[in-house]
C-alpha atoms as a PDB file:
ATOM      1  CA  UNK A   1       5.452 -57.664 -55.530  1.00  0.00           C
ATOM      2  CA  UNK A   2       4.625 -55.526 -58.392  1.00  0.00           C
ATOM      3  CA  UNK A   3       2.197 -58.340 -59.915  1.00  0.00           C
ATOM      4  CA  UNK A   4       0.592 -58.156 -56.871  1.00  0.00           C
ATOM      5  CA  UNK A   5       0.386 -54.386 -56.497  1.00  0.00           C
ATOM      6  CA  UNK A   6      -1.167 -54.516 -60.395  1.00  0.00           C
ATOM      7  CA  UNK A   7      -3.817 -56.886 -59.151  1.00  0.00           C
ATOM      8  CA  UNK A   8      -4.461 -54.875 -55.967  1.00  0.00           C
ATOM      9  CA  UNK A   9      -4.485 -51.187 -57.710  1.00  0.00           C
ATOM     10  CA  UNK A  10      -6.745 -52.871 -60.420  1.00  0.00           C
ATOM     11  CA  UNK A  11      -9.219 -54.019 -57.707  1.00  0.00           C
ATOM     12  CA  UNK A  12      -9.098 -50.377 -55.975  1.00  0.00           C
ATOM     13  CA  UNK A  13      -9.323 -48.853 -59.743  1.00  0.00           C
ATOM     14  CA  UNK A  14     -12.879 -50.558 -60.399  1.00  0.00           C
ATOM     15  CA  UNK A  15     -14.365 -49.941 -57.361  1.00  0.00           C
ATOM     16  CA  UNK A  16     -13.197 -46.140 -57.027  1.00  0.00           C
ATOM     17  CA  UNK A  17     -13.944 -45.156 -60.590  1.00  0.00           C
ATOM     18  CA  UNK A  18     -16.275 -47.962 -62.479  1.00  0.00           C
ATOM     19  CA  UNK A  19     -18.680 -48.911 -59.106  1.00  0.00           C
ATOM     20  CA  UNK A  20     -18.515 -46.138 -56.399  1.00  0.00           C
ATOM     21  CA  UNK A  21     -17.517 -42.903 -59.231  1.00  0.00           C
ATOM     22  CA  UNK A  22     -15.370 -41.361 -56.997  1.00  0.00           C
ATOM     23  CA  UNK A  23     -13.468 -40.070 -60.124  1.00  0.00           C
ATOM     24  CA  UNK A  24     -13.947 -41.249 -63.976  1.00  0.00           C
ATOM     25  CA  UNK A  25     -11.663 -41.262 -66.841  1.00  0.00           C
ATOM     26  CA  UNK A  26     -12.020 -39.663 -70.066  1.00  0.00           C
ATOM     27  CA  UNK A  27     -13.849 -41.962 -71.836  1.00  0.00           C
ATOM     28  CA  UNK A  28     -15.675 -43.571 -68.908  1.00  0.00           C
ATOM     29  CA  UNK A  29     -13.946 -47.032 -69.043  1.00  0.00           C
ATOM     30  CA  UNK A  30     -10.581 -48.168 -67.046  1.00  0.00           C
ATOM     31  CA  UNK A  31      -7.728 -47.638 -69.865  1.00  0.00           C
ATOM     32  CA  UNK A  32      -5.802 -50.645 -70.412  1.00  0.00           C
ATOM     33  CA  UNK A  33      -2.490 -48.808 -69.427  1.00  0.00           C
ATOM     34  CA  UNK A  34      -3.287 -47.874 -66.085  1.00  0.00           C
ATOM     35  CA  UNK A  35      -3.184 -51.303 -64.266  1.00  0.00           C
ATOM     36  CA  UNK A  36       0.583 -51.956 -65.708  1.00  0.00           C
ATOM     37  CA  UNK A  37       0.987 -48.105 -65.029  1.00  0.00           C
ATOM     38  CA  UNK A  38       0.124 -48.836 -61.035  1.00  0.00           C
ATOM     39  CA  UNK A  39       3.084 -51.556 -61.063  1.00  0.00           C
ATOM     40  CA  UNK A  40       5.399 -49.125 -62.997  1.00  0.00           C
ATOM     41  CA  UNK A  41       4.907 -46.627 -60.230  1.00  0.00           C
ATOM     42  CA  UNK A  42       5.562 -49.038 -57.300  1.00  0.00           C
ATOM     43  CA  UNK A  43       8.542 -49.766 -59.292  1.00  0.00           C
ATOM     44  CA  UNK A  44       9.565 -46.632 -59.395  1.00  0.00           C
ATOM     45  CA  UNK A  45       8.795 -45.566 -55.693  1.00  0.00           C
ATOM     46  CA  UNK A  46      10.810 -48.766 -54.785  1.00  0.00           C
ATOM     47  CA  UNK A  47      13.827 -47.726 -56.754  1.00  0.00           C
ATOM     48  CA  UNK A  48      13.806 -44.138 -55.830  1.00  0.00           C
ATOM     49  CA  UNK A  49      13.161 -44.729 -52.648  1.00  0.00           C
ATOM     50  CA  UNK A  50      16.439 -47.080 -52.549  1.00  0.00           C
ATOM     51  CA  UNK A  51      18.757 -44.529 -53.615  1.00  0.00           C
ATOM     52  CA  UNK A  52      21.459 -44.009 -51.575  1.00  0.00           C
ATOM     53  CA  UNK A  53      21.716 -39.816 -51.236  1.00  0.00           C
ATOM     54  CA  UNK A  54      17.746 -40.415 -50.462  1.00  0.00           C
ATOM     55  CA  UNK A  55      18.674 -43.267 -47.866  1.00  0.00           C
ATOM     56  CA  UNK A  56      21.284 -41.085 -46.017  1.00  0.00           C
ATOM     57  CA  UNK A  57      18.552 -37.649 -45.783  1.00  0.00           C
ATOM     58  CA  UNK A  58      15.732 -39.631 -45.058  1.00  0.00           C
ATOM     59  CA  UNK A  59      14.583 -37.594 -42.382  1.00  0.00           C
ATOM     60  CA  UNK A  60      14.891 -34.599 -44.599  1.00  0.00           C
ATOM     61  CA  UNK A  61      13.092 -35.749 -47.619  1.00  0.00           C
ATOM     62  CA  UNK A  62       9.981 -37.380 -45.368  1.00  0.00           C
ATOM     63  CA  UNK A  63      10.168 -33.584 -43.549  1.00  0.00           C
ATOM     64  CA  UNK A  64       9.924 -31.928 -46.934  1.00  0.00           C
ATOM     65  CA  UNK A  65       7.442 -34.184 -48.245  1.00  0.00           C
ATOM     66  CA  UNK A  66       5.339 -33.755 -45.219  1.00  0.00           C
ATOM     67  CA  UNK A  67       5.762 -29.759 -45.340  1.00  0.00           C
ATOM     68  CA  UNK A  68       4.537 -29.850 -48.870  1.00  0.00           C
ATOM     69  CA  UNK A  69       1.693 -31.912 -48.368  1.00  0.00           C
ATOM     70  CA  UNK A  70       0.976 -29.727 -45.470  1.00  0.00           C
ATOM     71  CA  UNK A  71       0.638 -27.218 -48.278  1.00  0.00           C
ATOM     72  CA  UNK A  72      -1.460 -28.926 -50.341  1.00  0.00           C
ATOM     73  CA  UNK A  73      -4.085 -29.615 -47.812  1.00  0.00           C
ATOM     74  CA  UNK A  74      -4.229 -25.791 -46.594  1.00  0.00           C
ATOM     75  CA  UNK A  75      -4.618 -24.711 -50.066  1.00  0.00           C
ATOM     76  CA  UNK A  76      -7.308 -27.349 -50.563  1.00  0.00           C
ATOM     77  CA  UNK A  77      -9.453 -26.127 -47.489  1.00  0.00           C
ATOM     78  CA  UNK A  78      -8.656 -22.266 -48.017  1.00  0.00           C
ATOM     79  CA  UNK A  79      -7.722 -21.263 -51.850  1.00  0.00           C
ATOM     80  CA  UNK A  80      -9.975 -23.798 -53.585  1.00  0.00           C
ATOM     81  CA  UNK A  81     -13.356 -22.609 -54.800  1.00  0.00           C
ATOM     82  CA  UNK A  82     -14.572 -26.393 -53.424  1.00  0.00           C
ATOM     83  CA  UNK A  83     -13.573 -27.468 -49.820  1.00  0.00           C
ATOM     84  CA  UNK A  84     -11.228 -30.352 -50.438  1.00  0.00           C
ATOM     85  CA  UNK A  85     -12.510 -32.480 -47.573  1.00  0.00           C
ATOM     86  CA  UNK A  86     -11.738 -35.515 -49.202  1.00  0.00           C
ATOM     87  CA  UNK A  87      -8.100 -34.016 -49.685  1.00  0.00           C
ATOM     88  CA  UNK A  88      -7.984 -33.488 -45.882  1.00  0.00           C
ATOM     89  CA  UNK A  89      -9.190 -36.870 -45.121  1.00  0.00           C
ATOM     90  CA  UNK A  90      -7.031 -39.079 -47.114  1.00  0.00           C
ATOM     91  CA  UNK A  91      -3.970 -36.157 -46.130  1.00  0.00           C
ATOM     92  CA  UNK A  92      -4.773 -37.675 -42.383  1.00  0.00           C
ATOM     93  CA  UNK A  93      -4.220 -41.431 -43.773  1.00  0.00           C
ATOM     94  CA  UNK A  94      -1.061 -40.444 -45.519  1.00  0.00           C
ATOM     95  CA  UNK A  95       0.363 -39.032 -42.223  1.00  0.00           C
ATOM     96  CA  UNK A  96      -0.231 -42.361 -40.467  1.00  0.00           C
ATOM     97  CA  UNK A  97       1.654 -43.909 -43.162  1.00  0.00           C
ATOM     98  CA  UNK A  98       4.570 -41.563 -42.913  1.00  0.00           C
ATOM     99  CA  UNK A  99       5.238 -41.571 -38.813  1.00  0.00           C
ATOM    100  CA  UNK A 100       3.359 -44.634 -37.818  1.00  0.00           C
ATOM    101  CA  UNK A 101       4.331 -46.910 -41.200  1.00  0.00           C
ATOM    102  CA  UNK A 102       7.172 -49.338 -41.338  1.00  0.00           C
ATOM    103  CA  UNK A 103       8.657 -47.702 -44.899  1.00  0.00           C
ATOM    104  CA  UNK A 104       8.527 -43.951 -44.144  1.00  0.00           C
ATOM    105  CA  UNK A 105      10.708 -42.847 -47.146  1.00  0.00           C
ATOM    106  CA  UNK A 106       8.820 -45.180 -49.486  1.00  0.00           C
ATOM    107  CA  UNK A 107       5.649 -43.990 -48.461  1.00  0.00           C
ATOM    108  CA  UNK A 108       6.835 -40.400 -49.058  1.00  0.00           C
ATOM    109  CA  UNK A 109       8.129 -40.953 -52.354  1.00  0.00           C
ATOM    110  CA  UNK A 110       5.202 -42.969 -53.685  1.00  0.00           C
ATOM    111  CA  UNK A 111       3.084 -39.949 -52.212  1.00  0.00           C
ATOM    112  CA  UNK A 112       5.094 -37.581 -54.050  1.00  0.00           C
ATOM    113  CA  UNK A 113       5.452 -39.138 -57.484  1.00  0.00           C
ATOM    114  CA  UNK A 114       1.141 -39.854 -57.001  1.00  0.00           C
ATOM    115  CA  UNK A 115       0.485 -36.384 -56.875  1.00  0.00           C
ATOM    116  CA  UNK A 116       2.700 -35.465 -59.562  1.00  0.00           C
ATOM    117  CA  UNK A 117       0.677 -37.850 -61.679  1.00  0.00           C
ATOM    118  CA  UNK A 118      -2.657 -36.753 -60.392  1.00  0.00           C
ATOM    119  CA  UNK A 119      -1.829 -33.089 -61.217  1.00  0.00           C
ATOM    120  CA  UNK A 120      -1.070 -33.985 -64.599  1.00  0.00           C
ATOM    121  CA  UNK A 121      -3.892 -36.426 -65.496  1.00  0.00           C
ATOM    122  CA  UNK A 122      -6.087 -34.237 -64.254  1.00  0.00           C
ATOM    123  CA  UNK A 123      -5.043 -31.167 -65.839  1.00  0.00           C
ATOM    124  CA  UNK A 124      -5.200 -32.325 -69.317  1.00  0.00           C
ATOM    125  CA  UNK A 125      -8.793 -33.798 -68.243  1.00  0.00           C
ATOM    126  CA  UNK A 126      -7.407 -37.682 -68.514  1.00  0.00           C
ATOM    127  CA  UNK A 127      -9.747 -38.119 -65.335  1.00  0.00           C
ATOM    128  CA  UNK A 128     -11.408 -35.867 -63.014  1.00  0.00           C
ATOM    129  CA  UNK A 129     -12.221 -36.121 -59.483  1.00  0.00           C
ATOM    130  CA  UNK A 130     -16.244 -36.085 -58.567  1.00  0.00           C
ATOM    131  CA  UNK A 131     -16.648 -32.276 -56.679  1.00  0.00           C
ATOM    132  CA  UNK A 132     -18.849 -34.452 -54.421  1.00  0.00           C
ATOM    133  CA  UNK A 133     -18.296 -38.054 -53.437  1.00  0.00           C
ATOM    134  CA  UNK A 134     -21.056 -40.246 -54.456  1.00  0.00           C
ATOM    135  CA  UNK A 135     -22.937 -41.780 -51.442  1.00  0.00           C
ATOM    136  CA  UNK A 136     -20.445 -40.377 -48.853  1.00  0.00           C
ATOM    137  CA  UNK A 137     -21.389 -36.368 -49.357  1.00  0.00           C
ATOM    138  CA  UNK A 138     -17.760 -35.400 -49.289  1.00  0.00           C
ATOM    139  CA  UNK A 139     -16.495 -32.618 -51.141  1.00  0.00           C
ATOM    140  CA  UNK A 140     -13.069 -32.950 -53.080  1.00  0.00           C
ATOM    141  CA  UNK A 141     -10.734 -30.899 -54.868  1.00  0.00           C
ATOM    142  CA  UNK A 142      -9.488 -32.319 -58.826  1.00  0.00           C
ATOM    143  CA  UNK A 143      -7.488 -33.658 -57.501  1.00  0.00           C
ATOM    144  CA  UNK A 144      -7.656 -34.417 -53.810  1.00  0.00           C
ATOM    145  CA  UNK A 145      -4.627 -33.004 -51.818  1.00  0.00           C
ATOM    146  CA  UNK A 146      -3.883 -36.146 -49.801  1.00  0.00           C
ATOM    147  CA  UNK A 147      -4.894 -38.688 -52.572  1.00  0.00           C
ATOM    148  CA  UNK A 148      -1.317 -40.038 -52.947  1.00  0.00           C
ATOM    149  CA  UNK A 149      -2.194 -41.867 -49.324  1.00  0.00           C
ATOM    150  CA  UNK A 150      -4.744 -44.038 -51.498  1.00  0.00           C
ATOM    151  CA  UNK A 151      -1.718 -45.236 -53.400  1.00  0.00           C
ATOM    152  CA  UNK A 152       0.268 -45.770 -50.332  1.00  0.00           C
ATOM    153  CA  UNK A 153      -2.424 -47.879 -49.146  1.00  0.00           C
ATOM    154  CA  UNK A 154      -2.451 -50.175 -52.065  1.00  0.00           C
ATOM    155  CA  UNK A 155       1.443 -50.423 -51.777  1.00  0.00           C
ATOM    156  CA  UNK A 156       1.031 -51.689 -48.438  1.00  0.00           C
ATOM    157  CA  UNK A 157      -1.717 -54.020 -49.052  1.00  0.00           C
ATOM    158  CA  UNK A 158       0.320 -55.258 -52.101  1.00  0.00           C
ATOM    159  CA  UNK A 159       2.964 -55.521 -49.439  1.00  0.00           C
ATOM    160  CA  UNK A 160       1.368 -57.575 -47.309  1.00  0.00           C
ATOM    161  CA  UNK A 161      -0.133 -59.592 -49.580  1.00  0.00           C
ATOM    162  CA  UNK A 162       3.031 -60.446 -51.945  1.00  0.00           C
ATOM    163  CA  UNK A 163       4.132 -62.890 -49.543  1.00  0.00           C
ATOM    164  CA  UNK A 164       0.966 -65.024 -49.652  1.00  0.00           C
ATOM    165  CA  UNK A 165       0.639 -64.523 -53.638  1.00  0.00           C
ATOM    166  CA  UNK A 166       4.125 -66.095 -54.385  1.00  0.00           C
ATOM    167  CA  UNK A 167       3.287 -69.071 -51.754  1.00  0.00           C
ATOM    168  CA  UNK A 168       0.564 -69.707 -53.867  1.00  0.00           C
ATOM    169  CA  UNK A 169       1.609 -69.271 -57.379  1.00  0.00           C
ATOM    170  CA  UNK A 170       4.844 -71.730 -56.214  1.00  0.00           C
ATOM    171  CA  UNK A 171       2.298 -74.323 -54.697  1.00  0.00           C
ATOM    172  CA  UNK A 172       0.448 -73.791 -58.255  1.00  0.00           C
ATOM    173  CA  UNK A 173       3.689 -74.449 -59.865  1.00  0.00           C
ATOM    174  CA  UNK A 174       4.411 -77.401 -57.743  1.00  0.00           C
ATOM    175  CA  UNK A 175       1.167 -79.049 -58.312  1.00  0.00           C
ATOM    176  CA  UNK A 176       1.367 -78.211 -62.042  1.00  0.00           C
ATOM    177  CA  UNK A 177       4.930 -79.680 -62.310  1.00  0.00           C
ATOM    178  CA  UNK A 178       3.349 -82.988 -60.593  1.00  0.00           C
ATOM    179  CA  UNK A 179      -0.005 -83.422 -62.547  1.00  0.00           C
ATOM    180  CA  UNK A 180      -0.404 -86.788 -64.065  1.00  0.00           C
ATOM    181  CA  UNK A 181      -1.077 -85.328 -67.693  1.00  0.00           C
ATOM    182  CA  UNK A 182       1.851 -83.333 -67.508  1.00  0.00           C
ATOM    183  CA  UNK A 183       4.046 -86.775 -67.068  1.00  0.00           C
ATOM    184  CA  UNK A 184       1.765 -88.642 -69.472  1.00  0.00           C
ATOM    185  CA  UNK A 185       2.700 -85.884 -72.343  1.00  0.00           C
ATOM    186  CA  UNK A 186       6.121 -85.572 -71.720  1.00  0.00           C
ATOM    187  CA  UNK A 187       6.419 -90.038 -71.925  1.00  0.00           C
ATOM    188  CA  UNK A 188       4.501 -89.735 -75.392  1.00  0.00           C
ATOM    189  CA  UNK A 189       7.481 -87.363 -76.821  1.00  0.00           C
END
């Protein structure tokens, strides 16, 4: 699942940053640490969501994250100089993951760690969100209040694709093991 997440996130990063320009990294590229970082954050969210205390207090944690995210959206809509419409739209997506998704605690943890990283990265200028999304014309905060939902979407896609990727990998591995060239090489040794 982690390798699938890295592949999915890399595709999302290339589209979102390089092609679309919704956000830009300081040097205008996709830093090499970003794909691996997505894998680490995915694994972090999986492990933290499995902590016994969080599982025991699942409803409290999910409710607390929902309340905190609601405050972020209100801040983006009423307190920032630029109206954070992207934040509001992505927050609605987050709410769907939180209350309709199969793994609400995981999505709550994923959203929380992602938003912490978003505030950290944008505050140091490592990346910046476009004040107005290209081609869409939607205004955005830096970072957008609900952008952690994008990470939830990547998590969901990776979770759904991982079994197929694993089957493909195992199929390719078995084909490689049965390859005539492999048997020729082993008989030569």
